[in-house]
PDB file of N, CA and C in Angstrom:
ATOM      1  N   MET A   1     -47.097 -22.348  60.937  1.00  0.00           N
ATOM      2  CA  MET A   1     -46.690 -21.520  62.043  1.00  0.00           C
ATOM      3  C   MET A   1     -45.187 -21.660  62.296  1.00  0.00           C
ATOM      4  N   ALA A   2     -44.674 -22.871  62.156  1.00  0.00           N
ATOM      5  CA  ALA A   2     -43.241 -23.076  62.363  1.00  0.00           C
ATOM      6  C   ALA A   2     -42.429 -22.232  61.378  1.00  0.00           C
ATOM      7  N   TYR A   3     -42.886 -22.152  60.128  1.00  0.00           N
ATOM      8  CA  TYR A   3     -42.192 -21.347  59.121  1.00  0.00           C
ATOM      9  C   TYR A   3     -42.123 -19.885  59.567  1.00  0.00           C
ATOM     10  N   LEU A   4     -43.225 -19.351  60.040  1.00  0.00           N
ATOM     11  CA  LEU A   4     -43.251 -17.947  60.452  1.00  0.00           C
ATOM     12  C   LEU A   4     -42.315 -17.698  61.634  1.00  0.00           C
ATOM     13  N   LEU A   5     -42.264 -18.623  62.559  1.00  0.00           N
ATOM     14  CA  LEU A   5     -41.403 -18.470  63.731  1.00  0.00           C
ATOM     15  C   LEU A   5     -39.928 -18.575  63.381  1.00  0.00           C
ATOM     16  N   GLU A   6     -39.613 -19.301  62.310  1.00  0.00           N
ATOM     17  CA  GLU A   6     -38.216 -19.468  61.898  1.00  0.00           C
ATOM     18  C   GLU A   6     -37.657 -18.245  61.184  1.00  0.00           C
ATOM     19  N   GLN A   7     -38.519 -17.389  60.673  1.00  0.00           N
ATOM     20  CA  GLN A   7     -38.077 -16.230  59.892  1.00  0.00           C
ATOM     21  C   GLN A   7     -37.597 -15.111  60.809  1.00  0.00           C
ATOM     22  N   ASP A   8     -36.742 -14.276  60.256  1.00  0.00           N
ATOM     23  CA  ASP A   8     -36.204 -13.134  60.980  1.00  0.00           C
ATOM     24  C   ASP A   8     -36.961 -11.885  60.544  1.00  0.00           C
ATOM     25  N   TRP A   9     -38.165 -11.703  61.055  1.00  0.00           N
ATOM     26  CA  TRP A   9     -39.008 -10.576  60.667  1.00  0.00           C
ATOM     27  C   TRP A   9     -38.471  -9.292  61.269  1.00  0.00           C
ATOM     28  N   ASP A  10     -38.580  -8.202  60.512  1.00  0.00           N
ATOM     29  CA  ASP A  10     -38.125  -6.902  60.983  1.00  0.00           C
ATOM     30  C   ASP A  10     -39.235  -6.090  61.645  1.00  0.00           C
ATOM     31  N   VAL A  11     -40.465  -6.308  61.210  1.00  0.00           N
ATOM     32  CA  VAL A  11     -41.560  -5.459  61.672  1.00  0.00           C
ATOM     33  C   VAL A  11     -42.788  -6.306  62.002  1.00  0.00           C
ATOM     34  N   PHE A  12     -43.396  -6.024  63.134  1.00  0.00           N
ATOM     35  CA  PHE A  12     -44.726  -6.537  63.467  1.00  0.00           C
ATOM     36  C   PHE A  12     -45.565  -5.326  63.824  1.00  0.00           C
ATOM     37  N   ARG A  13     -46.710  -5.186  63.176  1.00  0.00           N
ATOM     38  CA  ARG A  13     -47.581  -4.043  63.428  1.00  0.00           C
ATOM     39  C   ARG A  13     -49.047  -4.463  63.330  1.00  0.00           C
ATOM     40  N   THR A  14     -49.891  -3.550  63.748  1.00  0.00           N
ATOM     41  CA  THR A  14     -51.333  -3.729  63.621  1.00  0.00           C
ATOM     42  C   THR A  14     -51.891  -2.534  62.861  1.00  0.00           C
ATOM     43  N   LEU A  15     -52.702  -2.818  61.846  1.00  0.00           N
ATOM     44  CA  LEU A  15     -53.392  -1.772  61.101  1.00  0.00           C
ATOM     45  C   LEU A  15     -54.838  -1.741  61.566  1.00  0.00           C
ATOM     46  N   LYS A  16     -55.252  -0.579  62.051  1.00  0.00           N
ATOM     47  CA  LYS A  16     -56.641  -0.412  62.460  1.00  0.00           C
ATOM     48  C   LYS A  16     -57.312   0.531  61.480  1.00  0.00           C
ATOM     49  N   PHE A  17     -58.574   0.366  61.308  1.00  0.00           N
ATOM     50  CA  PHE A  17     -59.360   1.229  60.437  1.00  0.00           C
ATOM     51  C   PHE A  17     -60.009   2.317  61.279  1.00  0.00           C
ATOM     52  N   VAL A  18     -60.241   3.480  60.688  1.00  0.00           N
ATOM     53  CA  VAL A  18     -60.798   4.612  61.420  1.00  0.00           C
ATOM     54  C   VAL A  18     -62.085   4.217  62.143  1.00  0.00           C
ATOM     55  N   ASP A  19     -62.954   3.515  61.440  1.00  0.00           N
ATOM     56  CA  ASP A  19     -64.212   3.090  62.053  1.00  0.00           C
ATOM     57  C   ASP A  19     -64.281   1.562  61.985  1.00  0.00           C
ATOM     58  N   SER A  20     -63.418   0.910  62.734  1.00  0.00           N
ATOM     59  CA  SER A  20     -63.281  -0.548  62.632  1.00  0.00           C
ATOM     60  C   SER A  20     -64.503  -1.312  63.116  1.00  0.00           C
ATOM     61  N   ARG A  21     -65.409  -0.671  63.812  1.00  0.00           N
ATOM     62  CA  ARG A  21     -66.593  -1.375  64.307  1.00  0.00           C
ATOM     63  C   ARG A  21     -67.684  -1.479  63.256  1.00  0.00           C
ATOM     64  N   THR A  22     -67.588  -0.690  62.181  1.00  0.00           N
ATOM     65  CA  THR A  22     -68.634  -0.760  61.162  1.00  0.00           C
ATOM     66  C   THR A  22     -68.096  -1.136  59.782  1.00  0.00           C
ATOM     67  N   ILE A  23     -66.795  -1.234  59.641  1.00  0.00           N
ATOM     68  CA  ILE A  23     -66.232  -1.575  58.331  1.00  0.00           C
ATOM     69  C   ILE A  23     -66.456  -3.057  58.060  1.00  0.00           C
ATOM     70  N   GLY A  24     -66.828  -3.376  56.862  1.00  0.00           N
ATOM     71  CA  GLY A  24     -67.016  -4.773  56.483  1.00  0.00           C
ATOM     72  C   GLY A  24     -65.735  -5.366  55.935  1.00  0.00           C
ATOM     73  N   SER A  25     -65.678  -6.671  55.855  1.00  0.00           N
ATOM     74  CA  SER A  25     -64.454  -7.328  55.389  1.00  0.00           C
ATOM     75  C   SER A  25     -64.161  -7.008  53.924  1.00  0.00           C
ATOM     76  N   ILE A  26     -65.190  -6.809  53.103  1.00  0.00           N
ATOM     77  CA  ILE A  26     -64.966  -6.485  51.686  1.00  0.00           C
ATOM     78  C   ILE A  26     -64.292  -5.121  51.565  1.00  0.00           C
ATOM     79  N   THR A  27     -64.809  -4.128  52.257  1.00  0.00           N
ATOM     80  CA  THR A  27     -64.211  -2.795  52.232  1.00  0.00           C
ATOM     81  C   THR A  27     -62.812  -2.826  52.833  1.00  0.00           C
ATOM     82  N   ALA A  28     -62.653  -3.535  53.932  1.00  0.00           N
ATOM     83  CA  ALA A  28     -61.344  -3.637  54.583  1.00  0.00           C
ATOM     84  C   ALA A  28     -60.326  -4.266  53.641  1.00  0.00           C
ATOM     85  N   ASN A  29     -60.709  -5.312  52.926  1.00  0.00           N
ATOM     86  CA  ASN A  29     -59.784  -5.964  52.001  1.00  0.00           C
ATOM     87  C   ASN A  29     -59.389  -5.038  50.860  1.00  0.00           C
ATOM     88  N   LYS A  30     -60.319  -4.246  50.348  1.00  0.00           N
ATOM     89  CA  LYS A  30     -59.992  -3.279  49.289  1.00  0.00           C
ATOM     90  C   LYS A  30     -58.994  -2.242  49.803  1.00  0.00           C
ATOM     91  N   LEU A  31     -59.237  -1.726  50.995  1.00  0.00           N
ATOM     92  CA  LEU A  31     -58.329  -0.743  51.573  1.00  0.00           C
ATOM     93  C   LEU A  31     -56.948  -1.346  51.830  1.00  0.00           C
ATOM     94  N   LEU A  32     -56.926  -2.575  52.305  1.00  0.00           N
ATOM     95  CA  LEU A  32     -55.661  -3.251  52.586  1.00  0.00           C
ATOM     96  C   LEU A  32     -54.860  -3.482  51.312  1.00  0.00           C
ATOM     97  N   ARG A  33     -55.526  -3.931  50.237  1.00  0.00           N
ATOM     98  CA  ARG A  33     -54.826  -4.127  48.958  1.00  0.00           C
ATOM     99  C   ARG A  33     -54.238  -2.812  48.457  1.00  0.00           C
ATOM    100  N   SER A  34     -55.004  -1.755  48.564  1.00  0.00           N
ATOM    101  CA  SER A  34     -54.529  -0.438  48.139  1.00  0.00           C
ATOM    102  C   SER A  34     -53.318  -0.012  48.967  1.00  0.00           C
ATOM    103  N   TYR A  35     -53.373  -0.218  50.269  1.00  0.00           N
ATOM    104  CA  TYR A  35     -52.272   0.129  51.166  1.00  0.00           C
ATOM    105  C   TYR A  35     -50.996  -0.608  50.781  1.00  0.00           C
ATOM    106  N   TRP A  36     -51.101  -1.935  50.589  1.00  0.00           N
ATOM    107  CA  TRP A  36     -49.908  -2.723  50.262  1.00  0.00           C
ATOM    108  C   TRP A  36     -49.381  -2.402  48.871  1.00  0.00           C
ATOM    109  N   ASN A  37     -50.258  -2.092  47.940  1.00  0.00           N
ATOM    110  CA  ASN A  37     -49.796  -1.691  46.609  1.00  0.00           C
ATOM    111  C   ASN A  37     -48.961  -0.415  46.700  1.00  0.00           C
ATOM    112  N   ARG A  38     -49.396   0.516  47.525  1.00  0.00           N
ATOM    113  CA  ARG A  38     -48.628   1.750  47.706  1.00  0.00           C
ATOM    114  C   ARG A  38     -47.275   1.477  48.355  1.00  0.00           C
ATOM    115  N   ILE A  39     -47.264   0.637  49.370  1.00  0.00           N
ATOM    116  CA  ILE A  39     -46.003   0.280  50.038  1.00  0.00           C
ATOM    117  C   ILE A  39     -45.046  -0.356  49.038  1.00  0.00           C
ATOM    118  N   ASP A  40     -45.538  -1.289  48.241  1.00  0.00           N
ATOM    119  CA  ASP A  40     -44.694  -1.951  47.241  1.00  0.00           C
ATOM    120  C   ASP A  40     -44.128  -0.948  46.246  1.00  0.00           C
ATOM    121  N   ARG A  41     -44.929   0.019  45.827  1.00  0.00           N
ATOM    122  CA  ARG A  41     -44.456   1.029  44.872  1.00  0.00           C
ATOM    123  C   ARG A  41     -43.408   1.949  45.492  1.00  0.00           C
ATOM    124  N   VAL A  42     -43.540   2.239  46.776  1.00  0.00           N
ATOM    125  CA  VAL A  42     -42.533   3.061  47.448  1.00  0.00           C
ATOM    126  C   VAL A  42     -41.182   2.352  47.415  1.00  0.00           C
ATOM    127  N   PHE A  43     -41.173   1.054  47.700  1.00  0.00           N
ATOM    128  CA  PHE A  43     -39.917   0.308  47.747  1.00  0.00           C
ATOM    129  C   PHE A  43     -39.391  -0.072  46.367  1.00  0.00           C
ATOM    130  N   PHE A  44     -40.269  -0.431  45.439  1.00  0.00           N
ATOM    131  CA  PHE A  44     -39.826  -1.011  44.178  1.00  0.00           C
ATOM    132  C   PHE A  44     -40.234  -0.229  42.934  1.00  0.00           C
ATOM    133  N   GLY A  45     -40.923   0.872  43.101  1.00  0.00           N
ATOM    134  CA  GLY A  45     -41.330   1.680  41.956  1.00  0.00           C
ATOM    135  C   GLY A  45     -42.246   0.905  41.021  1.00  0.00           C
ATOM    136  N   HIS A  46     -42.079   1.152  39.717  1.00  0.00           N
ATOM    137  CA  HIS A  46     -42.941   0.509  38.724  1.00  0.00           C
ATOM    138  C   HIS A  46     -42.713  -1.000  38.629  1.00  0.00           C
ATOM    139  N   ALA A  47     -41.575  -1.483  39.108  1.00  0.00           N
ATOM    140  CA  ALA A  47     -41.315  -2.930  39.082  1.00  0.00           C
ATOM    141  C   ALA A  47     -42.318  -3.679  39.946  1.00  0.00           C
ATOM    142  N   ALA A  48     -42.866  -3.007  40.941  1.00  0.00           N
ATOM    143  CA  ALA A  48     -43.891  -3.653  41.772  1.00  0.00           C
ATOM    144  C   ALA A  48     -45.052  -4.113  40.904  1.00  0.00           C
ATOM    145  N   ASP A  49     -45.440  -3.291  39.932  1.00  0.00           N
ATOM    146  CA  ASP A  49     -46.547  -3.645  39.039  1.00  0.00           C
ATOM    147  C   ASP A  49     -46.081  -4.497  37.867  1.00  0.00           C
ATOM    148  N   ARG A  50     -45.013  -4.068  37.223  1.00  0.00           N
ATOM    149  CA  ARG A  50     -44.559  -4.755  35.999  1.00  0.00           C
ATOM    150  C   ARG A  50     -44.050  -6.163  36.253  1.00  0.00           C
ATOM    151  N   LYS A  51     -43.320  -6.337  37.365  1.00  0.00           N
ATOM    152  CA  LYS A  51     -42.697  -7.634  37.655  1.00  0.00           C
ATOM    153  C   LYS A  51     -43.283  -8.313  38.882  1.00  0.00           C
ATOM    154  N   SER A  52     -44.339  -7.737  39.432  1.00  0.00           N
ATOM    155  CA  SER A  52     -44.997  -8.272  40.640  1.00  0.00           C
ATOM    156  C   SER A  52     -44.017  -8.473  41.800  1.00  0.00           C
ATOM    157  N   ILE A  53     -43.142  -7.506  41.988  1.00  0.00           N
ATOM    158  CA  ILE A  53     -42.212  -7.557  43.113  1.00  0.00           C
ATOM    159  C   ILE A  53     -42.914  -6.959  44.324  1.00  0.00           C
ATOM    160  N   ARG A  54     -42.904  -7.679  45.428  1.00  0.00           N
ATOM    161  CA  ARG A  54     -43.617  -7.266  46.630  1.00  0.00           C
ATOM    162  C   ARG A  54     -42.712  -7.326  47.849  1.00  0.00           C
ATOM    163  N   VAL A  55     -43.028  -6.525  48.828  1.00  0.00           N
ATOM    164  CA  VAL A  55     -42.374  -6.615  50.126  1.00  0.00           C
ATOM    165  C   VAL A  55     -42.839  -7.931  50.754  1.00  0.00           C
ATOM    166  N   PRO A  56     -41.905  -8.784  51.185  1.00  0.00           N
ATOM    167  CA  PRO A  56     -42.332 -10.042  51.831  1.00  0.00           C
ATOM    168  C   PRO A  56     -43.147  -9.733  53.088  1.00  0.00           C
ATOM    169  N   ARG A  57     -44.313 -10.346  53.191  1.00  0.00           N
ATOM    170  CA  ARG A  57     -45.197 -10.046  54.313  1.00  0.00           C
ATOM    171  C   ARG A  57     -46.193 -11.174  54.557  1.00  0.00           C
ATOM    172  N   TRP A  58     -46.699 -11.202  55.747  1.00  0.00           N
ATOM    173  CA  TRP A  58     -47.817 -12.069  56.136  1.00  0.00           C
ATOM    174  C   TRP A  58     -48.817 -11.184  56.854  1.00  0.00           C
ATOM    175  N   CYS A  59     -50.072 -11.306  56.498  1.00  0.00           N
ATOM    176  CA  CYS A  59     -51.140 -10.518  57.120  1.00  0.00           C
ATOM    177  C   CYS A  59     -52.162 -11.447  57.751  1.00  0.00           C
ATOM    178  N   PHE A  60     -52.667 -11.032  58.893  1.00  0.00           N
ATOM    179  CA  PHE A  60     -53.643 -11.822  59.623  1.00  0.00           C
ATOM    180  C   PHE A  60     -54.817 -10.937  60.002  1.00  0.00           C
ATOM    181  N   ALA A  61     -55.980 -11.244  59.480  1.00  0.00           N
ATOM    182  CA  ALA A  61     -57.185 -10.486  59.812  1.00  0.00           C
ATOM    183  C   ALA A  61     -57.678 -10.936  61.188  1.00  0.00           C
ATOM    184  N   HIS A  62     -58.124  -9.980  61.965  1.00  0.00           N
ATOM    185  CA  HIS A  62     -58.589 -10.278  63.313  1.00  0.00           C
ATOM    186  C   HIS A  62     -59.797  -9.395  63.604  1.00  0.00           C
ATOM    187  N   GLU A  63     -60.785  -9.946  64.264  1.00  0.00           N
ATOM    188  CA  GLU A  63     -62.001  -9.200  64.567  1.00  0.00           C
ATOM    189  C   GLU A  63     -62.082  -8.765  66.023  1.00  0.00           C
ATOM    190  N   GLY A  64     -61.119  -9.119  66.811  1.00  0.00           N
ATOM    191  CA  GLY A  64     -61.134  -8.747  68.220  1.00  0.00           C
ATOM    192  C   GLY A  64     -62.024  -9.655  69.042  1.00  0.00           C
ATOM    193  N   ALA A  65     -61.984  -9.467  70.347  1.00  0.00           N
ATOM    194  CA  ALA A  65     -62.714 -10.328  71.274  1.00  0.00           C
ATOM    195  C   ALA A  65     -64.223 -10.249  71.089  1.00  0.00           C
ATOM    196  N   ASP A  66     -64.702  -9.079  70.667  1.00  0.00           N
ATOM    197  CA  ASP A  66     -66.150  -8.931  70.504  1.00  0.00           C
ATOM    198  C   ASP A  66     -66.613  -9.187  69.067  1.00  0.00           C
ATOM    199  N   ALA A  67     -65.702  -9.606  68.192  1.00  0.00           N
ATOM    200  CA  ALA A  67     -65.989  -9.928  66.789  1.00  0.00           C
ATOM    201  C   ALA A  67     -66.474  -8.713  65.987  1.00  0.00           C
ATOM    202  N   GLU A  68     -66.241  -7.515  66.482  1.00  0.00           N
ATOM    203  CA  GLU A  68     -66.668  -6.309  65.772  1.00  0.00           C
ATOM    204  C   GLU A  68     -65.549  -5.286  65.604  1.00  0.00           C
ATOM    205  N   ASN A  69     -64.355  -5.598  66.026  1.00  0.00           N
ATOM    206  CA  ASN A  69     -63.235  -4.661  65.964  1.00  0.00           C
ATOM    207  C   ASN A  69     -62.233  -5.157  64.920  1.00  0.00           C
ATOM    208  N   PHE A  70     -62.586  -5.009  63.641  1.00  0.00           N
ATOM    209  CA  PHE A  70     -61.764  -5.552  62.555  1.00  0.00           C
ATOM    210  C   PHE A  70     -60.444  -4.801  62.442  1.00  0.00           C
ATOM    211  N   HIS A  71     -59.348  -5.553  62.421  1.00  0.00           N
ATOM    212  CA  HIS A  71     -58.008  -4.981  62.236  1.00  0.00           C
ATOM    213  C   HIS A  71     -57.094  -6.059  61.654  1.00  0.00           C
ATOM    214  N   ILE A  72     -55.928  -5.641  61.234  1.00  0.00           N
ATOM    215  CA  ILE A  72     -54.973  -6.534  60.582  1.00  0.00           C
ATOM    216  C   ILE A  72     -53.659  -6.508  61.362  1.00  0.00           C
ATOM    217  N   HIS A  73     -53.137  -7.688  61.692  1.00  0.00           N
ATOM    218  CA  HIS A  73     -51.786  -7.822  62.223  1.00  0.00           C
ATOM    219  C   HIS A  73     -50.916  -8.237  61.051  1.00  0.00           C
ATOM    220  N   PHE A  74     -49.704  -7.709  60.977  1.00  0.00           N
ATOM    221  CA  PHE A  74     -48.835  -8.121  59.873  1.00  0.00           C
ATOM    222  C   PHE A  74     -47.372  -8.211  60.307  1.00  0.00           C
ATOM    223  N   LEU A  75     -46.645  -9.019  59.553  1.00  0.00           N
ATOM    224  CA  LEU A  75     -45.197  -9.183  59.704  1.00  0.00           C
ATOM    225  C   LEU A  75     -44.555  -8.766  58.388  1.00  0.00           C
ATOM    226  N   LEU A  76     -43.436  -8.040  58.480  1.00  0.00           N
ATOM    227  CA  LEU A  76     -42.651  -7.670  57.295  1.00  0.00           C
ATOM    228  C   LEU A  76     -41.229  -8.138  57.499  1.00  0.00           C
TER     229      LEU A  76
END
């Protein structure tokens, strides 16, 4: 946690799924990987795949207070 607080993050956001009350963690993880792969390709083109260059990020899965509202908080 200290490492995250020491960094100068530019973006904090929350990603919600259209039907977050019924989406499972397996489906959510597949969608999230696809989302980040697209983001990486926008910034780095084919180097994202060829050289595994990624946008620096931290993602935190959260289910909400009722444990049924799956969403992701992230820092970029």
